[in-house]
Structures are given as structure tokens and as C-alpha cells.
Amino acid sequence: MLSSLGSMLPLVLMFVVLYFVMIRPQMKRQKEARAMIEALAKGDEVATAGGVLGRITSLGEQYLGLEIANGVEIKVQRSAVVQVLPKGAIK
């Protein structure tokens, strides 16, 4: 009985280390990204996953309008936004 418990200990230890090194930080990043996407507002300047920079002009449930140049607006999925830029970053 004691030897079987001793043989399981390294496996349990590896799982605990894996959780704290890989799984927990990934869950934290996902939570932060979800909060950032939910907090988007009209007028925010954002960068998308494709590298497009623009200013949010309209918000929908799953899509948002992004003005990428004067008079040029595109629709992108909310999940495509990867970063909110500081105000005035886009000129």
C-alpha cells in the first residue's frame, strides 16, 4: 500500500507544477482578454489580430464598426480586437 502511494507521488507533483506553471496563467490571460472585450466603448482606439488600427464607431453584440481612415469603416468581430490603444495613438 505504501509503495503504490510512493509511486503516485511524482505524478501528482507533476500535475501540481503543471497547473501553476501553465494552466493557471492561461486562465488569467483569458479572463483579462474577456474583460477587455466587454469594456470596449465607442471612440476607443484599438488594434485587431490582423494588425488593423482604428477607432470604434459602433458596437453590436458580436461585431463592431471600426473607422480605419476618414470615411472608411469596416466591421470586425469583437474577438478580433487584441489591444486597446492609448487615446491619440492613431493620427
PDB file of N, CA and C in Angstrom:
ATOM      1  N   MET A   1       0.825  -1.195   0.000  1.00  0.00           N
ATOM      2  CA  MET A   1       0.000   0.000   0.000  1.00  0.00           C
ATOM      3  C   MET A   1       0.865   1.252   0.000  1.00  0.00           C
ATOM      4  N   LEU A   2       1.899   1.266   0.801  1.00  0.00           N
ATOM      5  CA  LEU A   2       2.782   2.412   0.908  1.00  0.00           C
ATOM      6  C   LEU A   2       3.592   2.630  -0.369  1.00  0.00           C
ATOM      7  N   SER A   3       3.980   1.533  -1.018  1.00  0.00           N
ATOM      8  CA  SER A   3       4.769   1.660  -2.245  1.00  0.00           C
ATOM      9  C   SER A   3       3.925   2.218  -3.393  1.00  0.00           C
ATOM     10  N   SER A   4       2.636   1.870  -3.449  1.00  0.00           N
ATOM     11  CA  SER A   4       1.774   2.414  -4.503  1.00  0.00           C
ATOM     12  C   SER A   4       1.552   3.908  -4.301  1.00  0.00           C
ATOM     13  N   LEU A   5       1.465   4.329  -3.046  1.00  0.00           N
ATOM     14  CA  LEU A   5       1.328   5.753  -2.750  1.00  0.00           C
ATOM     15  C   LEU A   5       2.614   6.495  -3.122  1.00  0.00           C
ATOM     16  N   GLY A   6       3.731   5.896  -2.883  1.00  0.00           N
ATOM     17  CA  GLY A   6       5.014   6.496  -3.228  1.00  0.00           C
ATOM     18  C   GLY A   6       5.226   6.600  -4.727  1.00  0.00           C
ATOM     19  N   SER A   7       4.682   5.649  -5.485  1.00  0.00           N
ATOM     20  CA  SER A   7       4.825   5.704  -6.943  1.00  0.00           C
ATOM     21  C   SER A   7       3.883   6.740  -7.562  1.00  0.00           C
ATOM     22  N   MET A   8       2.786   7.074  -6.885  1.00  0.00           N
ATOM     23  CA  MET A   8       1.845   8.070  -7.394  1.00  0.00           C
ATOM     24  C   MET A   8       2.277   9.496  -7.066  1.00  0.00           C
ATOM     25  N   LEU A   9       3.113   9.672  -6.074  1.00  0.00           N
ATOM     26  CA  LEU A   9       3.535  10.991  -5.632  1.00  0.00           C
ATOM     27  C   LEU A   9       4.206  11.818  -6.735  1.00  0.00           C
ATOM     28  N   PRO A  10       5.145  11.272  -7.520  1.00  0.00           N
ATOM     29  CA  PRO A  10       5.733  12.085  -8.600  1.00  0.00           C
ATOM     30  C   PRO A  10       4.706  12.535  -9.641  1.00  0.00           C
ATOM     31  N   LEU A  11       3.743  11.692  -9.945  1.00  0.00           N
ATOM     32  CA  LEU A  11       2.697  12.043 -10.913  1.00  0.00           C
ATOM     33  C   LEU A  11       1.835  13.192 -10.395  1.00  0.00           C
ATOM     34  N   VAL A  12       1.461  13.136  -9.139  1.00  0.00           N
ATOM     35  CA  VAL A  12       0.660  14.192  -8.525  1.00  0.00           C
ATOM     36  C   VAL A  12       1.465  15.490  -8.461  1.00  0.00           C
ATOM     37  N   LEU A  13       2.718  15.390  -8.102  1.00  0.00           N
ATOM     38  CA  LEU A  13       3.590  16.564  -8.054  1.00  0.00           C
ATOM     39  C   LEU A  13       3.734  17.207  -9.423  1.00  0.00           C
ATOM     40  N   MET A  14       3.887  16.395 -10.479  1.00  0.00           N
ATOM     41  CA  MET A  14       3.994  16.941 -11.835  1.00  0.00           C
ATOM     42  C   MET A  14       2.718  17.676 -12.229  1.00  0.00           C
ATOM     43  N   PHE A  15       1.560  17.147 -11.860  1.00  0.00           N
ATOM     44  CA  PHE A  15       0.299  17.808 -12.185  1.00  0.00           C
ATOM     45  C   PHE A  15       0.177  19.140 -11.461  1.00  0.00           C
ATOM     46  N   VAL A  16       0.563  19.192 -10.204  1.00  0.00           N
ATOM     47  CA  VAL A  16       0.502  20.439  -9.436  1.00  0.00           C
ATOM     48  C   VAL A  16       1.407  21.496 -10.053  1.00  0.00           C
ATOM     49  N   VAL A  17       2.620  21.120 -10.426  1.00  0.00           N
ATOM     50  CA  VAL A  17       3.549  22.058 -11.054  1.00  0.00           C
ATOM     51  C   VAL A  17       2.998  22.515 -12.400  1.00  0.00           C
ATOM     52  N   LEU A  18       2.453  21.597 -13.187  1.00  0.00           N
ATOM     53  CA  LEU A  18       1.871  21.935 -14.488  1.00  0.00           C
ATOM     54  C   LEU A  18       0.730  22.932 -14.316  1.00  0.00           C
ATOM     55  N   TYR A  19      -0.087  22.738 -13.310  1.00  0.00           N
ATOM     56  CA  TYR A  19      -1.211  23.646 -13.067  1.00  0.00           C
ATOM     57  C   TYR A  19      -0.721  25.062 -12.790  1.00  0.00           C
ATOM     58  N   PHE A  20       0.249  25.207 -11.898  1.00  0.00           N
ATOM     59  CA  PHE A  20       0.711  26.541 -11.523  1.00  0.00           C
ATOM     60  C   PHE A  20       1.594  27.193 -12.584  1.00  0.00           C
ATOM     61  N   VAL A  21       2.230  26.413 -13.447  1.00  0.00           N
ATOM     62  CA  VAL A  21       3.121  26.983 -14.453  1.00  0.00           C
ATOM     63  C   VAL A  21       2.399  27.265 -15.770  1.00  0.00           C
ATOM     64  N   MET A  22       1.441  26.424 -16.150  1.00  0.00           N
ATOM     65  CA  MET A  22       0.817  26.573 -17.461  1.00  0.00           C
ATOM     66  C   MET A  22      -0.677  26.880 -17.418  1.00  0.00           C
ATOM     67  N   ILE A  23      -1.441  26.135 -16.695  1.00  0.00           N
ATOM     68  CA  ILE A  23      -2.899  26.239 -16.762  1.00  0.00           C
ATOM     69  C   ILE A  23      -3.402  27.518 -16.099  1.00  0.00           C
ATOM     70  N   ARG A  24      -2.952  27.816 -14.924  1.00  0.00           N
ATOM     71  CA  ARG A  24      -3.424  28.995 -14.184  1.00  0.00           C
ATOM     72  C   ARG A  24      -3.107  30.316 -14.902  1.00  0.00           C
ATOM     73  N   PRO A  25      -1.873  30.518 -15.400  1.00  0.00           N
ATOM     74  CA  PRO A  25      -1.605  31.773 -16.135  1.00  0.00           C
ATOM     75  C   PRO A  25      -2.439  31.916 -17.404  1.00  0.00           C
ATOM     76  N   GLN A  26      -2.695  30.799 -18.101  1.00  0.00           N
ATOM     77  CA  GLN A  26      -3.510  30.854 -19.315  1.00  0.00           C
ATOM     78  C   GLN A  26      -4.943  31.270 -18.980  1.00  0.00           C
ATOM     79  N   MET A  27      -5.488  30.743 -17.903  1.00  0.00           N
ATOM     80  CA  MET A  27      -6.840  31.121 -17.492  1.00  0.00           C
ATOM     81  C   MET A  27      -6.901  32.598 -17.115  1.00  0.00           C
ATOM     82  N   LYS A  28      -5.855  33.104 -16.500  1.00  0.00           N
ATOM     83  CA  LYS A  28      -5.803  34.511 -16.122  1.00  0.00           C
ATOM     84  C   LYS A  28      -5.783  35.410 -17.360  1.00  0.00           C
ATOM     85  N   ARG A  29      -4.982  35.028 -18.380  1.00  0.00           N
ATOM     86  CA  ARG A  29      -4.937  35.801 -19.625  1.00  0.00           C
ATOM     87  C   ARG A  29      -6.288  35.801 -20.326  1.00  0.00           C
ATOM     88  N   GLN A  30      -6.974  34.658 -20.353  1.00  0.00           N
ATOM     89  CA  GLN A  30      -8.288  34.582 -20.982  1.00  0.00           C
ATOM     90  C   GLN A  30      -9.291  35.480 -20.262  1.00  0.00           C
ATOM     91  N   LYS A  31      -9.234  35.508 -18.951  1.00  0.00           N
ATOM     92  CA  LYS A  31     -10.147  36.342 -18.174  1.00  0.00           C
ATOM     93  C   LYS A  31      -9.893  37.820 -18.449  1.00  0.00           C
ATOM     94  N   GLU A  32      -8.623  38.218 -18.540  1.00  0.00           N
ATOM     95  CA  GLU A  32      -8.282  39.611 -18.833  1.00  0.00           C
ATOM     96  C   GLU A  32      -8.732  40.006 -20.235  1.00  0.00           C
ATOM     97  N   ALA A  33      -8.557  39.116 -21.213  1.00  0.00           N
ATOM     98  CA  ALA A  33      -8.972  39.407 -22.588  1.00  0.00           C
ATOM     99  C   ALA A  33     -10.485  39.552 -22.672  1.00  0.00           C
ATOM    100  N   ARG A  34     -11.211  38.691 -21.983  1.00  0.00           N
ATOM    101  CA  ARG A  34     -12.676  38.759 -21.979  1.00  0.00           C
ATOM    102  C   ARG A  34     -13.147  40.074 -21.362  1.00  0.00           C
ATOM    103  N   ALA A  35     -12.506  40.493 -20.272  1.00  0.00           N
ATOM    104  CA  ALA A  35     -12.875  41.752 -19.618  1.00  0.00           C
ATOM    105  C   ALA A  35     -12.584  42.945 -20.529  1.00  0.00           C
ATOM    106  N   MET A  36     -11.462  42.903 -21.257  1.00  0.00           N
ATOM    107  CA  MET A  36     -11.099  43.987 -22.168  1.00  0.00           C
ATOM    108  C   MET A  36     -12.121  44.093 -23.303  1.00  0.00           C
ATOM    109  N   ILE A  37     -12.544  42.969 -23.857  1.00  0.00           N
ATOM    110  CA  ILE A  37     -13.509  42.977 -24.960  1.00  0.00           C
ATOM    111  C   ILE A  37     -14.869  43.474 -24.481  1.00  0.00           C
ATOM    112  N   GLU A  38     -15.270  43.106 -23.274  1.00  0.00           N
ATOM    113  CA  GLU A  38     -16.561  43.557 -22.751  1.00  0.00           C
ATOM    114  C   GLU A  38     -16.543  45.043 -22.416  1.00  0.00           C
ATOM    115  N   ALA A  39     -15.370  45.608 -22.132  1.00  0.00           N
ATOM    116  CA  ALA A  39     -15.272  47.012 -21.733  1.00  0.00           C
ATOM    117  C   ALA A  39     -15.077  47.957 -22.922  1.00  0.00           C
ATOM    118  N   LEU A  40     -15.084  47.449 -24.146  1.00  0.00           N
ATOM    119  CA  LEU A  40     -14.910  48.319 -25.315  1.00  0.00           C
ATOM    120  C   LEU A  40     -16.036  49.341 -25.382  1.00  0.00           C
ATOM    121  N   ALA A  41     -15.672  50.558 -25.770  1.00  0.00           N
ATOM    122  CA  ALA A  41     -16.656  51.636 -25.864  1.00  0.00           C
ATOM    123  C   ALA A  41     -16.443  52.409 -27.162  1.00  0.00           C
ATOM    124  N   LYS A  42     -17.475  53.104 -27.571  1.00  0.00           N
ATOM    125  CA  LYS A  42     -17.402  53.930 -28.773  1.00  0.00           C
ATOM    126  C   LYS A  42     -16.327  54.994 -28.578  1.00  0.00           C
ATOM    127  N   GLY A  43     -15.464  55.163 -29.583  1.00  0.00           N
ATOM    128  CA  GLY A  43     -14.389  56.143 -29.512  1.00  0.00           C
ATOM    129  C   GLY A  43     -13.046  55.549 -29.103  1.00  0.00           C
ATOM    130  N   ASP A  44     -13.037  54.308 -28.592  1.00  0.00           N
ATOM    131  CA  ASP A  44     -11.770  53.664 -28.231  1.00  0.00           C
ATOM    132  C   ASP A  44     -10.948  53.380 -29.486  1.00  0.00           C
ATOM    133  N   GLU A  45      -9.651  53.513 -29.355  1.00  0.00           N
ATOM    134  CA  GLU A  45      -8.740  53.182 -30.454  1.00  0.00           C
ATOM    135  C   GLU A  45      -8.174  51.794 -30.171  1.00  0.00           C
ATOM    136  N   VAL A  46      -8.285  50.899 -31.178  1.00  0.00           N
ATOM    137  CA  VAL A  46      -7.937  49.501 -30.958  1.00  0.00           C
ATOM    138  C   VAL A  46      -7.054  48.962 -32.082  1.00  0.00           C
ATOM    139  N   ALA A  47      -6.405  47.844 -31.790  1.00  0.00           N
ATOM    140  CA  ALA A  47      -5.651  47.080 -32.780  1.00  0.00           C
ATOM    141  C   ALA A  47      -6.309  45.706 -32.881  1.00  0.00           C
ATOM    142  N   THR A  48      -6.439  45.195 -34.097  1.00  0.00           N
ATOM    143  CA  THR A  48      -7.047  43.880 -34.296  1.00  0.00           C
ATOM    144  C   THR A  48      -5.969  42.823 -34.460  1.00  0.00           C
ATOM    145  N   ALA A  49      -6.397  41.574 -34.479  1.00  0.00           N
ATOM    146  CA  ALA A  49      -5.474  40.454 -34.634  1.00  0.00           C
ATOM    147  C   ALA A  49      -4.766  40.512 -35.991  1.00  0.00           C
ATOM    148  N   GLY A  50      -5.396  41.113 -36.986  1.00  0.00           N
ATOM    149  CA  GLY A  50      -4.799  41.233 -38.314  1.00  0.00           C
ATOM    150  C   GLY A  50      -3.873  42.430 -38.460  1.00  0.00           C
ATOM    151  N   GLY A  51      -3.750  43.236 -37.415  1.00  0.00           N
ATOM    152  CA  GLY A  51      -2.863  44.382 -37.460  1.00  0.00           C
ATOM    153  C   GLY A  51      -3.523  45.669 -37.898  1.00  0.00           C
ATOM    154  N   VAL A  52      -4.840  45.667 -38.031  1.00  0.00           N
ATOM    155  CA  VAL A  52      -5.566  46.864 -38.448  1.00  0.00           C
ATOM    156  C   VAL A  52      -5.786  47.750 -37.221  1.00  0.00           C
ATOM    157  N   LEU A  53      -5.470  49.031 -37.364  1.00  0.00           N
ATOM    158  CA  LEU A  53      -5.686  50.006 -36.302  1.00  0.00           C
ATOM    159  C   LEU A  53      -6.880  50.865 -36.668  1.00  0.00           C
ATOM    160  N   GLY A  54      -7.717  51.178 -35.681  1.00  0.00           N
ATOM    161  CA  GLY A  54      -8.865  52.027 -35.973  1.00  0.00           C
ATOM    162  C   GLY A  54      -9.559  52.491 -34.719  1.00  0.00           C
ATOM    163  N   ARG A  55     -10.580  53.327 -34.951  1.00  0.00           N
ATOM    164  CA  ARG A  55     -11.379  53.892 -33.861  1.00  0.00           C
ATOM    165  C   ARG A  55     -12.771  53.275 -33.933  1.00  0.00           C
ATOM    166  N   ILE A  56     -13.302  52.841 -32.803  1.00  0.00           N
ATOM    167  CA  ILE A  56     -14.619  52.211 -32.762  1.00  0.00           C
ATOM    168  C   ILE A  56     -15.693  53.266 -32.990  1.00  0.00           C
ATOM    169  N   THR A  57     -16.569  53.002 -33.972  1.00  0.00           N
ATOM    170  CA  THR A  57     -17.653  53.931 -34.278  1.00  0.00           C
ATOM    171  C   THR A  57     -19.013  53.372 -33.887  1.00  0.00           C
ATOM    172  N   SER A  58     -19.151  52.059 -33.860  1.00  0.00           N
ATOM    173  CA  SER A  58     -20.417  51.452 -33.458  1.00  0.00           C
ATOM    174  C   SER A  58     -20.136  50.107 -32.803  1.00  0.00           C
ATOM    175  N   LEU A  59     -21.005  49.753 -31.873  1.00  0.00           N
ATOM    176  CA  LEU A  59     -20.859  48.500 -31.138  1.00  0.00           C
ATOM    177  C   LEU A  59     -22.100  47.651 -31.315  1.00  0.00           C
ATOM    178  N   GLY A  60     -21.905  46.370 -31.558  1.00  0.00           N
ATOM    179  CA  GLY A  60     -23.003  45.414 -31.615  1.00  0.00           C
ATOM    180  C   GLY A  60     -22.716  44.273 -30.660  1.00  0.00           C
ATOM    181  N   GLU A  61     -23.602  43.286 -30.688  1.00  0.00           N
ATOM    182  CA  GLU A  61     -23.437  42.126 -29.806  1.00  0.00           C
ATOM    183  C   GLU A  61     -22.148  41.371 -30.119  1.00  0.00           C
ATOM    184  N   GLN A  62     -21.909  41.091 -31.409  1.00  0.00           N
ATOM    185  CA  GLN A  62     -20.723  40.328 -31.795  1.00  0.00           C
ATOM    186  C   GLN A  62     -19.776  41.093 -32.710  1.00  0.00           C
ATOM    187  N   TYR A  63     -20.254  42.154 -33.335  1.00  0.00           N
ATOM    188  CA  TYR A  63     -19.447  42.910 -34.282  1.00  0.00           C
ATOM    189  C   TYR A  63     -19.324  44.358 -33.826  1.00  0.00           C
ATOM    190  N   LEU A  64     -18.300  45.027 -34.344  1.00  0.00           N
ATOM    191  CA  LEU A  64     -18.158  46.450 -34.079  1.00  0.00           C
ATOM    192  C   LEU A  64     -17.686  47.142 -35.343  1.00  0.00           C
ATOM    193  N   GLY A  65     -18.075  48.407 -35.490  1.00  0.00           N
ATOM    194  CA  GLY A  65     -17.652  49.219 -36.616  1.00  0.00           C
ATOM    195  C   GLY A  65     -16.339  49.892 -36.277  1.00  0.00           C
ATOM    196  N   LEU A  66     -15.411  49.805 -37.199  1.00  0.00           N
ATOM    197  CA  LEU A  66     -14.068  50.335 -36.966  1.00  0.00           C
ATOM    198  C   LEU A  66     -13.729  51.300 -38.085  1.00  0.00           C
ATOM    199  N   GLU A  67     -13.482  52.567 -37.747  1.00  0.00           N
ATOM    200  CA  GLU A  67     -13.086  53.557 -38.744  1.00  0.00           C
ATOM    201  C   GLU A  67     -11.564  53.495 -38.873  1.00  0.00           C
ATOM    202  N   ILE A  68     -11.098  53.074 -40.059  1.00  0.00           N
ATOM    203  CA  ILE A  68      -9.657  52.903 -40.262  1.00  0.00           C
ATOM    204  C   ILE A  68      -9.037  54.082 -40.998  1.00  0.00           C
ATOM    205  N   ALA A  69      -9.862  54.914 -41.621  1.00  0.00           N
ATOM    206  CA  ALA A  69      -9.420  56.151 -42.278  1.00  0.00           C
ATOM    207  C   ALA A  69     -10.645  57.060 -42.350  1.00  0.00           C
ATOM    208  N   ASN A  70     -10.437  58.305 -42.714  1.00  0.00           N
ATOM    209  CA  ASN A  70     -11.567  59.232 -42.815  1.00  0.00           C
ATOM    210  C   ASN A  70     -12.573  58.705 -43.825  1.00  0.00           C
ATOM    211  N   GLY A  71     -13.785  58.408 -43.367  1.00  0.00           N
ATOM    212  CA  GLY A  71     -14.851  57.935 -44.244  1.00  0.00           C
ATOM    213  C   GLY A  71     -14.781  56.462 -44.590  1.00  0.00           C
ATOM    214  N   VAL A  72     -13.824  55.722 -44.062  1.00  0.00           N
ATOM    215  CA  VAL A  72     -13.696  54.287 -44.352  1.00  0.00           C
ATOM    216  C   VAL A  72     -13.976  53.514 -43.066  1.00  0.00           C
ATOM    217  N   GLU A  73     -15.066  52.750 -43.093  1.00  0.00           N
ATOM    218  CA  GLU A  73     -15.456  51.975 -41.918  1.00  0.00           C
ATOM    219  C   GLU A  73     -15.591  50.506 -42.297  1.00  0.00           C
ATOM    220  N   ILE A  74     -15.092  49.642 -41.433  1.00  0.00           N
ATOM    221  CA  ILE A  74     -15.214  48.199 -41.644  1.00  0.00           C
ATOM    222  C   ILE A  74     -15.870  47.585 -40.409  1.00  0.00           C
ATOM    223  N   LYS A  75     -16.423  46.406 -40.592  1.00  0.00           N
ATOM    224  CA  LYS A  75     -16.994  45.669 -39.469  1.00  0.00           C
ATOM    225  C   LYS A  75     -16.052  44.519 -39.146  1.00  0.00           C
ATOM    226  N   VAL A  76     -15.762  44.364 -37.857  1.00  0.00           N
ATOM    227  CA  VAL A  76     -14.913  43.261 -37.395  1.00  0.00           C
ATOM    228  C   VAL A  76     -15.583  42.600 -36.193  1.00  0.00           C
ATOM    229  N   GLN A  77     -15.209  41.360 -35.950  1.00  0.00           N
ATOM    230  CA  GLN A  77     -15.720  40.670 -34.769  1.00  0.00           C
ATOM    231  C   GLN A  77     -15.072  41.243 -33.531  1.00  0.00           C
ATOM    232  N   ARG A  78     -15.826  41.266 -32.456  1.00  0.00           N
ATOM    233  CA  ARG A  78     -15.273  41.760 -31.188  1.00  0.00           C
ATOM    234  C   ARG A  78     -14.049  40.958 -30.776  1.00  0.00           C
ATOM    235  N   SER A  79     -14.081  39.659 -31.025  1.00  0.00           N
ATOM    236  CA  SER A  79     -12.973  38.797 -30.602  1.00  0.00           C
ATOM    237  C   SER A  79     -11.691  39.073 -31.385  1.00  0.00           C
ATOM    238  N   ALA A  80     -11.770  39.822 -32.494  1.00  0.00           N
ATOM    239  CA  ALA A  80     -10.579  40.157 -33.271  1.00  0.00           C
ATOM    240  C   ALA A  80      -9.761  41.265 -32.620  1.00  0.00           C
ATOM    241  N   VAL A  81     -10.355  41.993 -31.688  1.00  0.00           N
ATOM    242  CA  VAL A  81      -9.641  43.074 -31.001  1.00  0.00           C
ATOM    243  C   VAL A  81      -8.666  42.448 -30.001  1.00  0.00           C
ATOM    244  N   VAL A  82      -7.393  42.811 -30.134  1.00  0.00           N
ATOM    245  CA  VAL A  82      -6.376  42.248 -29.239  1.00  0.00           C
ATOM    246  C   VAL A  82      -5.791  43.274 -28.284  1.00  0.00           C
ATOM    247  N   GLN A  83      -5.978  44.581 -28.589  1.00  0.00           N
ATOM    248  CA  GLN A  83      -5.376  45.593 -27.740  1.00  0.00           C
ATOM    249  C   GLN A  83      -6.146  46.893 -27.860  1.00  0.00           C
ATOM    250  N   VAL A  84      -6.341  47.547 -26.726  1.00  0.00           N
ATOM    251  CA  VAL A  84      -6.906  48.900 -26.714  1.00  0.00           C
ATOM    252  C   VAL A  84      -5.722  49.845 -26.613  1.00  0.00           C
ATOM    253  N   LEU A  85      -5.628  50.761 -27.582  1.00  0.00           N
ATOM    254  CA  LEU A  85      -4.506  51.694 -27.632  1.00  0.00           C
ATOM    255  C   LEU A  85      -4.795  52.945 -26.813  1.00  0.00           C
ATOM    256  N   PRO A  86      -3.755  53.641 -26.379  1.00  0.00           N
ATOM    257  CA  PRO A  86      -3.987  54.906 -25.668  1.00  0.00           C
ATOM    258  C   PRO A  86      -4.619  55.940 -26.592  1.00  0.00           C
ATOM    259  N   LYS A  87      -5.391  56.842 -26.014  1.00  0.00           N
ATOM    260  CA  LYS A  87      -6.046  57.896 -26.807  1.00  0.00           C
ATOM    261  C   LYS A  87      -4.995  58.717 -27.553  1.00  0.00           C
ATOM    262  N   GLY A  88      -5.271  58.996 -28.821  1.00  0.00           N
ATOM    263  CA  GLY A  88      -4.363  59.776 -29.638  1.00  0.00           C
ATOM    264  C   GLY A  88      -3.266  58.969 -30.308  1.00  0.00           C
ATOM    265  N   ALA A  89      -3.290  57.655 -30.182  1.00  0.00           N
ATOM    266  CA  ALA A  89      -2.265  56.819 -30.795  1.00  0.00           C
ATOM    267  C   ALA A  89      -2.428  56.772 -32.316  1.00  0.00           C
ATOM    268  N   ILE A  90      -3.649  56.903 -32.776  1.00  0.00           N
ATOM    269  CA  ILE A  90      -3.928  56.888 -34.222  1.00  0.00           C
ATOM    270  C   ILE A  90      -4.129  58.330 -34.671  1.00  0.00           C
ATOM    271  N   LYS A  91      -3.384  58.727 -35.687  1.00  0.00           N
ATOM    272  CA  LYS A  91      -3.495  60.104 -36.176  1.00  0.00           C
ATOM    273  C   LYS A  91      -4.024  60.138 -37.572  1.00  0.00           C
TER     274      LYS A  91
END
